[in-house]
Amino acid sequence: MGTKIILCICCLYLNACAISSNTLTVPENEKKYAVAYCLSNSYPDSAFSKDAGYIAGAYLEKGNFGLDMYEGIREFVSSYREKSYVSKHDRNLKIMQCIDLFESKELEQLIENTSNI
């Protein structure tokens, strides 16, 4: 039950900025791919991970870039997740980390640099 609630919150967050995904610019879709990929790797071997993986796959299918873009994003996300996110009360902040990833200047720079190649 908790997994479904978390997934719903993440989906609402990811869609909060746009009425439909057709109105998004391409880099925003790639940023959403990064968040979904991050979430899918945050809770391995869970239903939540599978659902987030399906979402990442959907954004990849909608993408207008080659696999180099998505491989670069996956590498970046893997290194980004190595940063420690610690709460005052030793709580799990993996979802917070993935949400913060969406606004990461480094992610935007990676997408801009890769899309100009």
PDB file of N, CA and C in Angstrom:
ATOM      1  N   MET A   1       0.816  -1.189   0.000  1.00  0.00           N
ATOM      2  CA  MET A   1       0.000   0.000   0.000  1.00  0.00           C
ATOM      3  C   MET A   1       0.863   1.257   0.000  1.00  0.00           C
ATOM      4  N   GLY A   2       1.915   1.261   0.840  1.00  0.00           N
ATOM      5  CA  GLY A   2       2.808   2.412   0.893  1.00  0.00           C
ATOM      6  C   GLY A   2       3.516   2.659  -0.422  1.00  0.00           C
ATOM      7  N   THR A   3       3.856   1.578  -1.127  1.00  0.00           N
ATOM      8  CA  THR A   3       4.519   1.702  -2.423  1.00  0.00           C
ATOM      9  C   THR A   3       3.618   2.410  -3.415  1.00  0.00           C
ATOM     10  N   LYS A   4       2.343   2.077  -3.404  1.00  0.00           N
ATOM     11  CA  LYS A   4       1.396   2.711  -4.333  1.00  0.00           C
ATOM     12  C   LYS A   4       1.256   4.194  -4.035  1.00  0.00           C
ATOM     13  N   ILE A   5       1.232   4.549  -2.780  1.00  0.00           N
ATOM     14  CA  ILE A   5       1.122   5.953  -2.396  1.00  0.00           C
ATOM     15  C   ILE A   5       2.356   6.718  -2.843  1.00  0.00           C
ATOM     16  N   ILE A   6       3.527   6.146  -2.612  1.00  0.00           N
ATOM     17  CA  ILE A   6       4.773   6.795  -3.033  1.00  0.00           C
ATOM     18  C   ILE A   6       4.803   6.967  -4.540  1.00  0.00           C
ATOM     19  N   LEU A   7       4.398   5.931  -5.272  1.00  0.00           N
ATOM     20  CA  LEU A   7       4.394   6.016  -6.727  1.00  0.00           C
ATOM     21  C   LEU A   7       3.430   7.086  -7.204  1.00  0.00           C
ATOM     22  N   CYS A   8       2.265   7.174  -6.592  1.00  0.00           N
ATOM     23  CA  CYS A   8       1.287   8.201  -6.968  1.00  0.00           C
ATOM     24  C   CYS A   8       1.837   9.602  -6.725  1.00  0.00           C
ATOM     25  N   ILE A   9       2.500   9.793  -5.586  1.00  0.00           N
ATOM     26  CA  ILE A   9       3.081  11.099  -5.277  1.00  0.00           C
ATOM     27  C   ILE A   9       4.143  11.466  -6.308  1.00  0.00           C
ATOM     28  N   CYS A  10       4.981  10.510  -6.651  1.00  0.00           N
ATOM     29  CA  CYS A  10       6.036  10.772  -7.636  1.00  0.00           C
ATOM     30  C   CYS A  10       5.445  11.096  -9.002  1.00  0.00           C
ATOM     31  N   CYS A  11       4.429  10.361  -9.397  1.00  0.00           N
ATOM     32  CA  CYS A  11       3.794  10.617 -10.695  1.00  0.00           C
ATOM     33  C   CYS A  11       3.152  11.991 -10.721  1.00  0.00           C
ATOM     34  N   LEU A  12       2.499  12.371  -9.631  1.00  0.00           N
ATOM     35  CA  LEU A  12       1.897  13.698  -9.562  1.00  0.00           C
ATOM     36  C   LEU A  12       2.960  14.777  -9.653  1.00  0.00           C
ATOM     37  N   TYR A  13       4.072  14.574  -8.975  1.00  0.00           N
ATOM     38  CA  TYR A  13       5.153  15.552  -9.027  1.00  0.00           C
ATOM     39  C   TYR A  13       5.700  15.683 -10.445  1.00  0.00           C
ATOM     40  N   LEU A  14       5.917  14.552 -11.090  1.00  0.00           N
ATOM     41  CA  LEU A  14       6.499  14.569 -12.423  1.00  0.00           C
ATOM     42  C   LEU A  14       5.585  15.227 -13.444  1.00  0.00           C
ATOM     43  N   ASN A  15       4.287  15.185 -13.207  1.00  0.00           N
ATOM     44  CA  ASN A  15       3.340  15.755 -14.161  1.00  0.00           C
ATOM     45  C   ASN A  15       2.807  17.110 -13.732  1.00  0.00           C
ATOM     46  N   ALA A  16       3.268  17.637 -12.634  1.00  0.00           N
ATOM     47  CA  ALA A  16       2.737  18.881 -12.093  1.00  0.00           C
ATOM     48  C   ALA A  16       3.005  20.093 -12.974  1.00  0.00           C
ATOM     49  N   CYS A  17       4.069  20.072 -13.732  1.00  0.00           N
ATOM     50  CA  CYS A  17       4.461  21.249 -14.502  1.00  0.00           C
ATOM     51  C   CYS A  17       3.823  21.323 -15.882  1.00  0.00           C
ATOM     52  N   ALA A  18       3.129  20.308 -16.301  1.00  0.00           N
ATOM     53  CA  ALA A  18       2.594  20.298 -17.659  1.00  0.00           C
ATOM     54  C   ALA A  18       1.188  19.725 -17.673  1.00  0.00           C
ATOM     55  N   ILE A  19       0.368  20.275 -18.558  1.00  0.00           N
ATOM     56  CA  ILE A  19      -0.982  19.759 -18.727  1.00  0.00           C
ATOM     57  C   ILE A  19      -0.934  18.417 -19.429  1.00  0.00           C
ATOM     58  N   SER A  20      -0.097  18.311 -20.441  1.00  0.00           N
ATOM     59  CA  SER A  20       0.106  17.022 -21.102  1.00  0.00           C
ATOM     60  C   SER A  20       1.567  16.909 -21.480  1.00  0.00           C
ATOM     61  N   SER A  21       2.020  15.690 -21.648  1.00  0.00           N
ATOM     62  CA  SER A  21       3.425  15.495 -21.970  1.00  0.00           C
ATOM     63  C   SER A  21       3.763  16.015 -23.361  1.00  0.00           C
ATOM     64  N   ASN A  22       2.769  16.217 -24.197  1.00  0.00           N
ATOM     65  CA  ASN A  22       3.021  16.760 -25.532  1.00  0.00           C
ATOM     66  C   ASN A  22       3.463  18.220 -25.478  1.00  0.00           C
ATOM     67  N   THR A  23       3.187  18.915 -24.373  1.00  0.00           N
ATOM     68  CA  THR A  23       3.573  20.316 -24.261  1.00  0.00           C
ATOM     69  C   THR A  23       4.983  20.474 -23.710  1.00  0.00           C
ATOM     70  N   LEU A  24       5.629  19.396 -23.339  1.00  0.00           N
ATOM     71  CA  LEU A  24       6.966  19.464 -22.756  1.00  0.00           C
ATOM     72  C   LEU A  24       8.026  19.649 -23.824  1.00  0.00           C
ATOM     73  N   THR A  25       9.081  20.346 -23.440  1.00  0.00           N
ATOM     74  CA  THR A  25      10.218  20.392 -24.328  1.00  0.00           C
ATOM     75  C   THR A  25      10.971  19.083 -24.175  1.00  0.00           C
ATOM     76  N   VAL A  26      11.776  18.750 -25.147  1.00  0.00           N
ATOM     77  CA  VAL A  26      12.488  17.476 -25.125  1.00  0.00           C
ATOM     78  C   VAL A  26      13.349  17.324 -23.878  1.00  0.00           C
ATOM     79  N   PRO A  27      14.127  18.337 -23.466  1.00  0.00           N
ATOM     80  CA  PRO A  27      14.939  18.147 -22.262  1.00  0.00           C
ATOM     81  C   PRO A  27      14.118  17.841 -21.016  1.00  0.00           C
ATOM     82  N   GLU A  28      12.897  18.354 -20.903  1.00  0.00           N
ATOM     83  CA  GLU A  28      12.075  18.041 -19.741  1.00  0.00           C
ATOM     84  C   GLU A  28      11.714  16.559 -19.724  1.00  0.00           C
ATOM     85  N   ASN A  29      11.445  15.986 -20.876  1.00  0.00           N
ATOM     86  CA  ASN A  29      11.176  14.547 -20.934  1.00  0.00           C
ATOM     87  C   ASN A  29      12.405  13.757 -20.512  1.00  0.00           C
ATOM     88  N   GLU A  30      13.568  14.206 -20.908  1.00  0.00           N
ATOM     89  CA  GLU A  30      14.803  13.515 -20.530  1.00  0.00           C
ATOM     90  C   GLU A  30      15.055  13.654 -19.032  1.00  0.00           C
ATOM     91  N   LYS A  31      14.722  14.804 -18.460  1.00  0.00           N
ATOM     92  CA  LYS A  31      14.852  14.978 -17.015  1.00  0.00           C
ATOM     93  C   LYS A  31      13.892  14.047 -16.282  1.00  0.00           C
ATOM     94  N   LYS A  32      12.702  13.879 -16.800  1.00  0.00           N
ATOM     95  CA  LYS A  32      11.736  12.960 -16.195  1.00  0.00           C
ATOM     96  C   LYS A  32      12.221  11.518 -16.328  1.00  0.00           C
ATOM     97  N   TYR A  33      12.864  11.204 -17.436  1.00  0.00           N
ATOM     98  CA  TYR A  33      13.462   9.877 -17.596  1.00  0.00           C
ATOM     99  C   TYR A  33      14.480   9.650 -16.477  1.00  0.00           C
ATOM    100  N   ALA A  34      15.305  10.664 -16.205  1.00  0.00           N
ATOM    101  CA  ALA A  34      16.341  10.540 -15.174  1.00  0.00           C
ATOM    102  C   ALA A  34      15.726  10.270 -13.803  1.00  0.00           C
ATOM    103  N   VAL A  35      14.641  10.974 -13.478  1.00  0.00           N
ATOM    104  CA  VAL A  35      13.992  10.784 -12.188  1.00  0.00           C
ATOM    105  C   VAL A  35      13.396   9.381 -12.091  1.00  0.00           C
ATOM    106  N   ALA A  36      12.714   8.949 -13.141  1.00  0.00           N
ATOM    107  CA  ALA A  36      12.118   7.611 -13.139  1.00  0.00           C
ATOM    108  C   ALA A  36      13.201   6.544 -13.025  1.00  0.00           C
ATOM    109  N   TYR A  37      14.298   6.737 -13.739  1.00  0.00           N
ATOM    110  CA  TYR A  37      15.419   5.781 -13.653  1.00  0.00           C
ATOM    111  C   TYR A  37      15.991   5.763 -12.233  1.00  0.00           C
ATOM    112  N   CYS A  38      16.135   6.930 -11.646  1.00  0.00           N
ATOM    113  CA  CYS A  38      16.634   7.034 -10.272  1.00  0.00           C
ATOM    114  C   CYS A  38      15.721   6.273  -9.316  1.00  0.00           C
ATOM    115  N   LEU A  39      14.424   6.493  -9.435  1.00  0.00           N
ATOM    116  CA  LEU A  39      13.468   5.818  -8.561  1.00  0.00           C
ATOM    117  C   LEU A  39      13.490   4.306  -8.767  1.00  0.00           C
ATOM    118  N   SER A  40      13.656   3.888 -10.010  1.00  0.00           N
ATOM    119  CA  SER A  40      13.652   2.448 -10.279  1.00  0.00           C
ATOM    120  C   SER A  40      14.859   1.756  -9.657  1.00  0.00           C
ATOM    121  N   ASN A  41      15.934   2.502  -9.437  1.00  0.00           N
ATOM    122  CA  ASN A  41      17.130   1.923  -8.842  1.00  0.00           C
ATOM    123  C   ASN A  41      17.214   2.139  -7.340  1.00  0.00           C
ATOM    124  N   SER A  42      16.295   2.910  -6.794  1.00  0.00           N
ATOM    125  CA  SER A  42      16.336   3.211  -5.371  1.00  0.00           C
ATOM    126  C   SER A  42      15.767   2.092  -4.513  1.00  0.00           C
ATOM    127  N   TYR A  43      14.863   1.324  -5.068  1.00  0.00           N
ATOM    128  CA  TYR A  43      14.212   0.245  -4.315  1.00  0.00           C
ATOM    129  C   TYR A  43      14.228  -1.031  -5.146  1.00  0.00           C
ATOM    130  N   PRO A  44      15.407  -1.626  -5.336  1.00  0.00           N
ATOM    131  CA  PRO A  44      15.518  -2.805  -6.203  1.00  0.00           C
ATOM    132  C   PRO A  44      14.636  -3.961  -5.723  1.00  0.00           C
ATOM    133  N   ASP A  45      14.233  -4.762  -6.672  1.00  0.00           N
ATOM    134  CA  ASP A  45      13.422  -5.956  -6.390  1.00  0.00           C
ATOM    135  C   ASP A  45      12.102  -5.645  -5.700  1.00  0.00           C
ATOM    136  N   SER A  46      11.477  -4.528  -6.070  1.00  0.00           N
ATOM    137  CA  SER A  46      10.173  -4.178  -5.505  1.00  0.00           C
ATOM    138  C   SER A  46       9.206  -3.838  -6.632  1.00  0.00           C
ATOM    139  N   ALA A  47       7.924  -3.853  -6.321  1.00  0.00           N
ATOM    140  CA  ALA A  47       6.906  -3.464  -7.304  1.00  0.00           C
ATOM    141  C   ALA A  47       7.101  -2.001  -7.699  1.00  0.00           C
ATOM    142  N   PHE A  48       7.521  -1.175  -6.739  1.00  0.00           N
ATOM    143  CA  PHE A  48       7.785   0.234  -7.001  1.00  0.00           C
ATOM    144  C   PHE A  48       8.874   0.384  -8.054  1.00  0.00           C
ATOM    145  N   SER A  49       9.933  -0.402  -7.921  1.00  0.00           N
ATOM    146  CA  SER A  49      11.041  -0.369  -8.876  1.00  0.00           C
ATOM    147  C   SER A  49      10.570  -0.747 -10.278  1.00  0.00           C
ATOM    148  N   LYS A  50       9.751  -1.775 -10.364  1.00  0.00           N
ATOM    149  CA  LYS A  50       9.223  -2.196 -11.666  1.00  0.00           C
ATOM    150  C   LYS A  50       8.397  -1.093 -12.300  1.00  0.00           C
ATOM    151  N   ASP A  51       7.496  -0.496 -11.520  1.00  0.00           N
ATOM    152  CA  ASP A  51       6.654   0.575 -12.048  1.00  0.00           C
ATOM    153  C   ASP A  51       7.483   1.763 -12.516  1.00  0.00           C
ATOM    154  N   ALA A  52       8.456   2.162 -11.720  1.00  0.00           N
ATOM    155  CA  ALA A  52       9.324   3.280 -12.110  1.00  0.00           C
ATOM    156  C   ALA A  52      10.128   2.921 -13.350  1.00  0.00           C
ATOM    157  N   GLY A  53      10.533   1.669 -13.479  1.00  0.00           N
ATOM    158  CA  GLY A  53      11.238   1.215 -14.675  1.00  0.00           C
ATOM    159  C   GLY A  53      10.373   1.310 -15.920  1.00  0.00           C
ATOM    160  N   TYR A  54       9.083   0.968 -15.784  1.00  0.00           N
ATOM    161  CA  TYR A  54       8.159   1.099 -16.914  1.00  0.00           C
ATOM    162  C   TYR A  54       8.014   2.560 -17.327  1.00  0.00           C
ATOM    163  N   ILE A  55       7.966   3.432 -16.335  1.00  0.00           N
ATOM    164  CA  ILE A  55       7.857   4.870 -16.608  1.00  0.00           C
ATOM    165  C   ILE A  55       9.111   5.360 -17.334  1.00  0.00           C
ATOM    166  N   ALA A  56      10.275   4.944 -16.867  1.00  0.00           N
ATOM    167  CA  ALA A  56      11.526   5.327 -17.533  1.00  0.00           C
ATOM    168  C   ALA A  56      11.513   4.842 -18.982  1.00  0.00           C
ATOM    169  N   GLY A  57      11.053   3.617 -19.205  1.00  0.00           N
ATOM    170  CA  GLY A  57      10.973   3.078 -20.558  1.00  0.00           C
ATOM    171  C   GLY A  57      10.042   3.883 -21.442  1.00  0.00           C
ATOM    172  N   ALA A  58       8.942   4.360 -20.873  1.00  0.00           N
ATOM    173  CA  ALA A  58       8.000   5.176 -21.645  1.00  0.00           C
ATOM    174  C   ALA A  58       8.641   6.494 -22.069  1.00  0.00           C
ATOM    175  N   TYR A  59       9.387   7.120 -21.146  1.00  0.00           N
ATOM    176  CA  TYR A  59      10.070   8.368 -21.515  1.00  0.00           C
ATOM    177  C   TYR A  59      11.168   8.114 -22.549  1.00  0.00           C
ATOM    178  N   LEU A  60      11.842   6.999 -22.454  1.00  0.00           N
ATOM    179  CA  LEU A  60      12.859   6.659 -23.449  1.00  0.00           C
ATOM    180  C   LEU A  60      12.209   6.494 -24.822  1.00  0.00           C
ATOM    181  N   GLU A  61      11.056   5.823 -24.885  1.00  0.00           N
ATOM    182  CA  GLU A  61      10.356   5.634 -26.156  1.00  0.00           C
ATOM    183  C   GLU A  61       9.894   6.956 -26.752  1.00  0.00           C
ATOM    184  N   LYS A  62       9.525   7.914 -25.897  1.00  0.00           N
ATOM    185  CA  LYS A  62       9.069   9.217 -26.368  1.00  0.00           C
ATOM    186  C   LYS A  62      10.221  10.114 -26.788  1.00  0.00           C
ATOM    187  N   GLY A  63      11.428   9.729 -26.414  1.00  0.00           N
ATOM    188  CA  GLY A  63      12.589  10.584 -26.639  1.00  0.00           C
ATOM    189  C   GLY A  63      12.945  10.764 -28.096  1.00  0.00           C
ATOM    190  N   ASN A  64      13.652  11.842 -28.337  1.00  0.00           N
ATOM    191  CA  ASN A  64      14.092  12.175 -29.690  1.00  0.00           C
ATOM    192  C   ASN A  64      15.600  12.055 -29.844  1.00  0.00           C
ATOM    193  N   PHE A  65      16.252  11.447 -28.872  1.00  0.00           N
ATOM    194  CA  PHE A  65      17.700  11.338 -28.899  1.00  0.00           C
ATOM    195  C   PHE A  65      18.111   9.884 -29.019  1.00  0.00           C
ATOM    196  N   GLY A  66      19.366   9.669 -29.355  1.00  0.00           N
ATOM    197  CA  GLY A  66      19.897   8.319 -29.460  1.00  0.00           C
ATOM    198  C   GLY A  66      20.211   7.737 -28.096  1.00  0.00           C
ATOM    199  N   LEU A  67      20.626   6.502 -28.110  1.00  0.00           N
ATOM    200  CA  LEU A  67      20.914   5.806 -26.854  1.00  0.00           C
ATOM    201  C   LEU A  67      22.053   6.448 -26.069  1.00  0.00           C
ATOM    202  N   ASP A  68      22.944   7.179 -26.739  1.00  0.00           N
ATOM    203  CA  ASP A  68      24.035   7.857 -26.028  1.00  0.00           C
ATOM    204  C   ASP A  68      23.491   8.798 -24.959  1.00  0.00           C
ATOM    205  N   MET A  69      22.397   9.478 -25.274  1.00  0.00           N
ATOM    206  CA  MET A  69      21.784  10.401 -24.315  1.00  0.00           C
ATOM    207  C   MET A  69      21.379   9.643 -23.051  1.00  0.00           C
ATOM    208  N   TYR A  70      20.689   8.544 -23.231  1.00  0.00           N
ATOM    209  CA  TYR A  70      20.145   7.807 -22.091  1.00  0.00           C
ATOM    210  C   TYR A  70      21.218   7.045 -21.327  1.00  0.00           C
ATOM    211  N   GLU A  71      22.233   6.591 -22.015  1.00  0.00           N
ATOM    212  CA  GLU A  71      23.361   5.957 -21.332  1.00  0.00           C
ATOM    213  C   GLU A  71      24.086   6.986 -20.465  1.00  0.00           C
ATOM    214  N   GLY A  72      24.248   8.189 -20.997  1.00  0.00           N
ATOM    215  CA  GLY A  72      24.872   9.264 -20.227  1.00  0.00           C
ATOM    216  C   GLY A  72      24.047   9.629 -19.001  1.00  0.00           C
ATOM    217  N   ILE A  73      22.737   9.672 -19.171  1.00  0.00           N
ATOM    218  CA  ILE A  73      21.850   9.971 -18.043  1.00  0.00           C
ATOM    219  C   ILE A  73      21.950   8.873 -16.993  1.00  0.00           C
ATOM    220  N   ARG A  74      21.948   7.623 -17.418  1.00  0.00           N
ATOM    221  CA  ARG A  74      22.039   6.512 -16.458  1.00  0.00           C
ATOM    222  C   ARG A  74      23.353   6.578 -15.677  1.00  0.00           C
ATOM    223  N   GLU A  75      24.455   6.868 -16.366  1.00  0.00           N
ATOM    224  CA  GLU A  75      25.747   6.988 -15.680  1.00  0.00           C
ATOM    225  C   GLU A  75      25.718   8.137 -14.676  1.00  0.00           C
ATOM    226  N   PHE A  76      25.139   9.267 -15.096  1.00  0.00           N
ATOM    227  CA  PHE A  76      25.050  10.421 -14.208  1.00  0.00           C
ATOM    228  C   PHE A  76      24.200  10.096 -12.976  1.00  0.00           C
ATOM    229  N   VAL A  77      23.056   9.452 -13.196  1.00  0.00           N
ATOM    230  CA  VAL A  77      22.168   9.105 -12.088  1.00  0.00           C
ATOM    231  C   VAL A  77      22.874   8.167 -11.109  1.00  0.00           C
ATOM    232  N   SER A  78      23.606   7.205 -11.632  1.00  0.00           N
ATOM    233  CA  SER A  78      24.326   6.269 -10.760  1.00  0.00           C
ATOM    234  C   SER A  78      25.322   7.007  -9.867  1.00  0.00           C
ATOM    235  N   SER A  79      26.060   7.947 -10.427  1.00  0.00           N
ATOM    236  CA  SER A  79      27.015   8.700  -9.604  1.00  0.00           C
ATOM    237  C   SER A  79      26.288   9.674  -8.672  1.00  0.00           C
ATOM    238  N   TYR A  80      25.179  10.249  -9.123  1.00  0.00           N
ATOM    239  CA  TYR A  80      24.393  11.174  -8.298  1.00  0.00           C
ATOM    240  C   TYR A  80      23.835  10.461  -7.073  1.00  0.00           C
ATOM    241  N   ARG A  81      23.404   9.225  -7.251  1.00  0.00           N
ATOM    242  CA  ARG A  81      22.827   8.456  -6.145  1.00  0.00           C
ATOM    243  C   ARG A  81      23.872   8.069  -5.099  1.00  0.00           C
ATOM    244  N   GLU A  82      25.151   8.152  -5.440  1.00  0.00           N
ATOM    245  CA  GLU A  82      26.205   7.835  -4.471  1.00  0.00           C
ATOM    246  C   GLU A  82      26.341   8.920  -3.412  1.00  0.00           C
ATOM    247  N   LYS A  83      25.838  10.136  -3.694  1.00  0.00           N
ATOM    248  CA  LYS A  83      25.850  11.199  -2.701  1.00  0.00           C
ATOM    249  C   LYS A  83      24.965  10.783  -1.535  1.00  0.00           C
ATOM    250  N   SER A  84      25.394  11.078  -0.341  1.00  0.00           N
ATOM    251  CA  SER A  84      24.639  10.696   0.840  1.00  0.00           C
ATOM    252  C   SER A  84      23.550  11.718   1.135  1.00  0.00           C
ATOM    253  N   TYR A  85      22.330  11.257   1.267  1.00  0.00           N
ATOM    254  CA  TYR A  85      21.205  12.072   1.714  1.00  0.00           C
ATOM    255  C   TYR A  85      20.820  11.554   3.095  1.00  0.00           C
ATOM    256  N   VAL A  86      21.071  12.356   4.125  1.00  0.00           N
ATOM    257  CA  VAL A  86      20.847  11.906   5.494  1.00  0.00           C
ATOM    258  C   VAL A  86      19.865  12.854   6.172  1.00  0.00           C
ATOM    259  N   SER A  87      18.881  12.279   6.836  1.00  0.00           N
ATOM    260  CA  SER A  87      17.921  13.094   7.581  1.00  0.00           C
ATOM    261  C   SER A  87      18.361  13.211   9.040  1.00  0.00           C
ATOM    262  N   LYS A  88      17.755  14.128   9.754  1.00  0.00           N
ATOM    263  CA  LYS A  88      18.065  14.302  11.170  1.00  0.00           C
ATOM    264  C   LYS A  88      17.769  13.040  11.966  1.00  0.00           C
ATOM    265  N   HIS A  89      16.750  12.308  11.534  1.00  0.00           N
ATOM    266  CA  HIS A  89      16.290  11.148  12.297  1.00  0.00           C
ATOM    267  C   HIS A  89      16.607   9.841  11.586  1.00  0.00           C
ATOM    268  N   ASP A  90      17.647   9.865  10.765  1.00  0.00           N
ATOM    269  CA  ASP A  90      18.108   8.670  10.060  1.00  0.00           C
ATOM    270  C   ASP A  90      16.994   8.005   9.246  1.00  0.00           C
ATOM    271  N   ARG A  91      16.249   8.807   8.497  1.00  0.00           N
ATOM    272  CA  ARG A  91      15.161   8.308   7.659  1.00  0.00           C
ATOM    273  C   ARG A  91      15.641   8.163   6.224  1.00  0.00           C
ATOM    274  N   ASN A  92      14.978   7.340   5.477  1.00  0.00           N
ATOM    275  CA  ASN A  92      15.289   7.092   4.076  1.00  0.00           C
ATOM    276  C   ASN A  92      14.859   8.299   3.238  1.00  0.00           C
ATOM    277  N   LEU A  93      15.789   8.902   2.525  1.00  0.00           N
ATOM    278  CA  LEU A  93      15.503  10.073   1.692  1.00  0.00           C
ATOM    279  C   LEU A  93      15.772   9.801   0.209  1.00  0.00           C
ATOM    280  N   LYS A  94      15.687   8.554  -0.203  1.00  0.00           N
ATOM    281  CA  LYS A  94      15.983   8.208  -1.595  1.00  0.00           C
ATOM    282  C   LYS A  94      15.032   8.895  -2.566  1.00  0.00           C
ATOM    283  N   ILE A  95      13.764   8.982  -2.227  1.00  0.00           N
ATOM    284  CA  ILE A  95      12.800   9.640  -3.115  1.00  0.00           C
ATOM    285  C   ILE A  95      13.115  11.124  -3.207  1.00  0.00           C
ATOM    286  N   MET A  96      13.440  11.737  -2.096  1.00  0.00           N
ATOM    287  CA  MET A  96      13.821  13.155  -2.092  1.00  0.00           C
ATOM    288  C   MET A  96      15.019  13.392  -2.999  1.00  0.00           C
ATOM    289  N   GLN A  97      15.985  12.502  -2.927  1.00  0.00           N
ATOM    290  CA  GLN A  97      17.177  12.622  -3.759  1.00  0.00           C
ATOM    291  C   GLN A  97      16.796  12.576  -5.242  1.00  0.00           C
ATOM    292  N   CYS A  98      15.901  11.669  -5.608  1.00  0.00           N
ATOM    293  CA  CYS A  98      15.495  11.552  -7.012  1.00  0.00           C
ATOM    294  C   CYS A  98      14.683  12.765  -7.463  1.00  0.00           C
ATOM    295  N   ILE A  99      13.868  13.304  -6.570  1.00  0.00           N
ATOM    296  CA  ILE A  99      13.100  14.504  -6.916  1.00  0.00           C
ATOM    297  C   ILE A  99      14.051  15.689  -7.095  1.00  0.00           C
ATOM    298  N   ASP A 100      15.032  15.826  -6.210  1.00  0.00           N
ATOM    299  CA  ASP A 100      16.019  16.898  -6.343  1.00  0.00           C
ATOM    300  C   ASP A 100      16.816  16.774  -7.637  1.00  0.00           C
ATOM    301  N   LEU A 101      16.996  15.567  -8.097  1.00  0.00           N
ATOM    302  CA  LEU A 101      17.704  15.331  -9.351  1.00  0.00           C
ATOM    303  C   LEU A 101      17.052  16.081 -10.508  1.00  0.00           C
ATOM    304  N   PHE A 102      15.724  16.170 -10.497  1.00  0.00           N
ATOM    305  CA  PHE A 102      14.989  16.836 -11.571  1.00  0.00           C
ATOM    306  C   PHE A 102      15.465  18.265 -11.785  1.00  0.00           C
ATOM    307  N   GLU A 103      15.825  18.956 -10.713  1.00  0.00           N
ATOM    308  CA  GLU A 103      16.250  20.352 -10.812  1.00  0.00           C
ATOM    309  C   GLU A 103      17.765  20.521 -10.810  1.00  0.00           C
ATOM    310  N   SER A 104      18.487  19.436 -10.930  1.00  0.00           N
ATOM    311  CA  SER A 104      19.942  19.483 -10.910  1.00  0.00           C
ATOM    312  C   SER A 104      20.489  20.216 -12.133  1.00  0.00           C
ATOM    313  N   LYS A 105      21.316  21.221 -11.868  1.00  0.00           N
ATOM    314  CA  LYS A 105      21.965  21.968 -12.959  1.00  0.00           C
ATOM    315  C   LYS A 105      22.911  21.065 -13.741  1.00  0.00           C
ATOM    316  N   GLU A 106      23.551  20.125 -13.044  1.00  0.00           N
ATOM    317  CA  GLU A 106      24.467  19.199 -13.718  1.00  0.00           C
ATOM    318  C   GLU A 106      23.719  18.311 -14.708  1.00  0.00           C
ATOM    319  N   LEU A 107      22.520  17.874 -14.339  1.00  0.00           N
ATOM    320  CA  LEU A 107      21.717  17.063 -15.247  1.00  0.00           C
ATOM    321  C   LEU A 107      21.315  17.877 -16.471  1.00  0.00           C
ATOM    322  N   GLU A 108      20.874  19.100 -16.256  1.00  0.00           N
ATOM    323  CA  GLU A 108      20.518  19.971 -17.376  1.00  0.00           C
ATOM    324  C   GLU A 108      21.704  20.169 -18.315  1.00  0.00           C
ATOM    325  N   GLN A 109      22.877  20.402 -17.736  1.00  0.00           N
ATOM    326  CA  GLN A 109      24.090  20.599 -18.539  1.00  0.00           C
ATOM    327  C   GLN A 109      24.416  19.354 -19.345  1.00  0.00           C
ATOM    328  N   LEU A 110      24.319  18.190 -18.725  1.00  0.00           N
ATOM    329  CA  LEU A 110      24.562  16.927 -19.426  1.00  0.00           C
ATOM    330  C   LEU A 110      23.617  16.774 -20.612  1.00  0.00           C
ATOM    331  N   ILE A 111      22.341  17.041 -20.406  1.00  0.00           N
ATOM    332  CA  ILE A 111      21.360  16.908 -21.469  1.00  0.00           C
ATOM    333  C   ILE A 111      21.637  17.910 -22.583  1.00  0.00           C
ATOM    334  N   GLU A 112      21.933  19.138 -22.221  1.00  0.00           N
ATOM    335  CA  GLU A 112      22.239  20.162 -23.231  1.00  0.00           C
ATOM    336  C   GLU A 112      23.479  19.764 -24.035  1.00  0.00           C
ATOM    337  N   ASN A 113      24.538  19.346 -23.361  1.00  0.00           N
ATOM    338  CA  ASN A 113      25.767  18.978 -24.049  1.00  0.00           C
ATOM    339  C   ASN A 113      25.582  17.768 -24.955  1.00  0.00           C
ATOM    340  N   THR A 114      24.842  16.778 -24.491  1.00  0.00           N
ATOM    341  CA  THR A 114      24.636  15.567 -25.278  1.00  0.00           C
ATOM    342  C   THR A 114      23.712  15.824 -26.465  1.00  0.00           C
ATOM    343  N   SER A 115      22.735  16.707 -26.296  1.00  0.00           N
ATOM    344  CA  SER A 115      21.795  16.966 -27.389  1.00  0.00           C
ATOM    345  C   SER A 115      22.424  17.810 -28.495  1.00  0.00           C
ATOM    346  N   ASN A 116      23.528  18.484 -28.202  1.00  0.00           N
ATOM    347  CA  ASN A 116      24.199  19.319 -29.213  1.00  0.00           C
ATOM    348  C   ASN A 116      25.218  18.549 -30.031  1.00  0.00           C
ATOM    349  N   ILE A 117      25.424  17.279 -29.708  1.00  0.00           N
ATOM    350  CA  ILE A 117      26.428  16.490 -30.430  1.00  0.00           C
ATOM    351  C   ILE A 117      25.871  16.055 -31.759  1.00  0.00           C
TER     352      ILE A 117
END
